[in-house]
């Protein structure tokens, strides 16, 4: 499945690709190894930028299975903001 990573795939093509990799125990390989610069892990300024980005983007908070019945809840902190998910009476 040699597709150049600059090509945007449809949702169906991505699912097919992921399932193929899972079945064949393979993965996509790049042309070279990426080495993340250490300062990216230690920079206060970068951390603040990343938190600000996370606060602006929709993010997966919890699977619905984590709230199995009406009234069940889950409280977490995401990107510095406290969040609460509750399963309502209507499911």
Protein backbone atom coordinates (compact mmCIF):
# COMPACT_ATOMS: atom_id res chain seq x y z
CA UNK A 1 0.00 0.00 0.00
CA UNK A 2 2.66 2.49 -1.01
CA UNK A 3 0.79 5.80 -0.87
CA UNK A 4 2.71 9.05 -0.58
CA UNK A 5 1.78 10.65 2.73
CA UNK A 6 1.13 13.99 1.01
CA UNK A 7 -1.93 12.40 -0.64
CA UNK A 8 -5.12 12.97 1.33
CA UNK A 9 -7.12 9.78 1.69
CA UNK A 10 -10.86 9.41 2.08
CA UNK A 11 -12.24 8.16 5.39
CA UNK A 12 -12.94 4.80 3.76
CA UNK A 13 -9.39 4.53 2.42
CA UNK A 14 -7.92 5.36 5.84
CA UNK A 15 -10.06 2.70 7.54
CA UNK A 16 -9.06 0.15 4.88
CA UNK A 17 -5.39 1.06 5.36
CA UNK A 18 -5.57 0.79 9.16
CA UNK A 19 -7.34 -2.58 8.97
CA UNK A 20 -4.77 -3.83 6.44
CA UNK A 21 -1.92 -2.83 8.78
CA UNK A 22 -3.64 -4.46 11.77
CA UNK A 23 -4.17 -7.71 9.86
CA UNK A 24 -0.67 -7.84 8.39
CA UNK A 25 1.02 -6.49 11.55
CA UNK A 26 2.68 -3.78 9.49
CA UNK A 27 2.84 0.00 9.42
CA UNK A 28 3.66 2.83 7.06
CA UNK A 29 7.35 3.62 6.88
CA UNK A 30 8.90 7.00 6.17
CA UNK A 31 11.95 7.64 4.03
CA UNK A 32 13.96 8.67 7.09
CA UNK A 33 13.86 8.64 10.89
CA UNK A 34 12.46 11.77 12.57
CA UNK A 35 14.32 12.93 15.66
CA UNK A 36 12.24 15.33 17.75
CA UNK A 37 14.48 18.09 19.12
CA UNK A 38 14.84 17.84 22.92
CA UNK A 39 13.96 21.54 23.45
CA UNK A 40 10.46 20.77 22.13
CA UNK A 41 9.93 18.74 25.32
CA UNK A 42 11.42 21.28 27.72
CA UNK A 43 10.24 24.65 26.34
CA UNK A 44 7.74 26.50 28.57
CA UNK A 45 6.73 28.69 25.61
CA UNK A 46 5.99 25.63 23.44
CA UNK A 47 3.96 24.04 26.24
CA UNK A 48 1.82 27.20 26.53
CA UNK A 49 1.30 27.24 22.74
CA UNK A 50 0.26 23.58 22.73
CA UNK A 51 -2.16 24.03 25.64
CA UNK A 52 -3.70 27.05 23.88
CA UNK A 53 -4.10 24.92 20.74
CA UNK A 54 -5.77 22.08 22.68
CA UNK A 55 -8.16 24.56 24.29
CA UNK A 56 -9.31 25.74 20.84
CA UNK A 57 -9.75 22.31 19.26
CA UNK A 58 -12.47 19.72 19.79
CA UNK A 59 -10.99 16.72 21.56
CA UNK A 60 -12.20 13.26 22.47
CA UNK A 61 -13.08 13.41 26.15
CA UNK A 62 -14.36 9.94 26.95
CA UNK A 63 -16.09 7.07 25.19
CA UNK A 64 -19.83 6.88 25.77
CA UNK A 65 -19.26 3.43 27.31
CA UNK A 66 -17.54 5.21 30.22
CA UNK A 67 -21.01 6.55 31.15
CA UNK A 68 -23.07 3.34 31.14
CA UNK A 69 -26.28 4.53 32.81
CA UNK A 70 -28.30 7.70 33.38
CA UNK A 71 -26.65 9.84 36.04
CA UNK A 72 -23.17 8.35 35.64
CA UNK A 73 -20.47 10.98 35.22
CA UNK A 74 -16.79 11.48 34.56
CA UNK A 75 -14.76 14.48 35.72
CA UNK A 76 -11.35 15.27 34.24
CA UNK A 77 -9.09 18.18 33.51
CA UNK A 78 -8.20 18.81 29.86
CA UNK A 79 -5.64 21.42 28.81
CA UNK A 80 -5.99 23.07 32.21
CA UNK A 81 -9.80 23.27 32.08
CA UNK A 82 -12.00 21.15 34.37
CA UNK A 83 -14.65 19.23 32.41
CA UNK A 84 -17.60 17.12 33.44
CA UNK A 85 -19.50 14.62 31.27
CA UNK A 86 -22.83 13.27 32.51
CA UNK A 87 -25.18 10.73 30.92
CA UNK A 88 -28.64 12.32 30.90
CA UNK A 89 -31.98 10.66 31.59
CA UNK A 90 -32.55 10.52 27.82
CA UNK A 91 -29.41 8.40 27.38
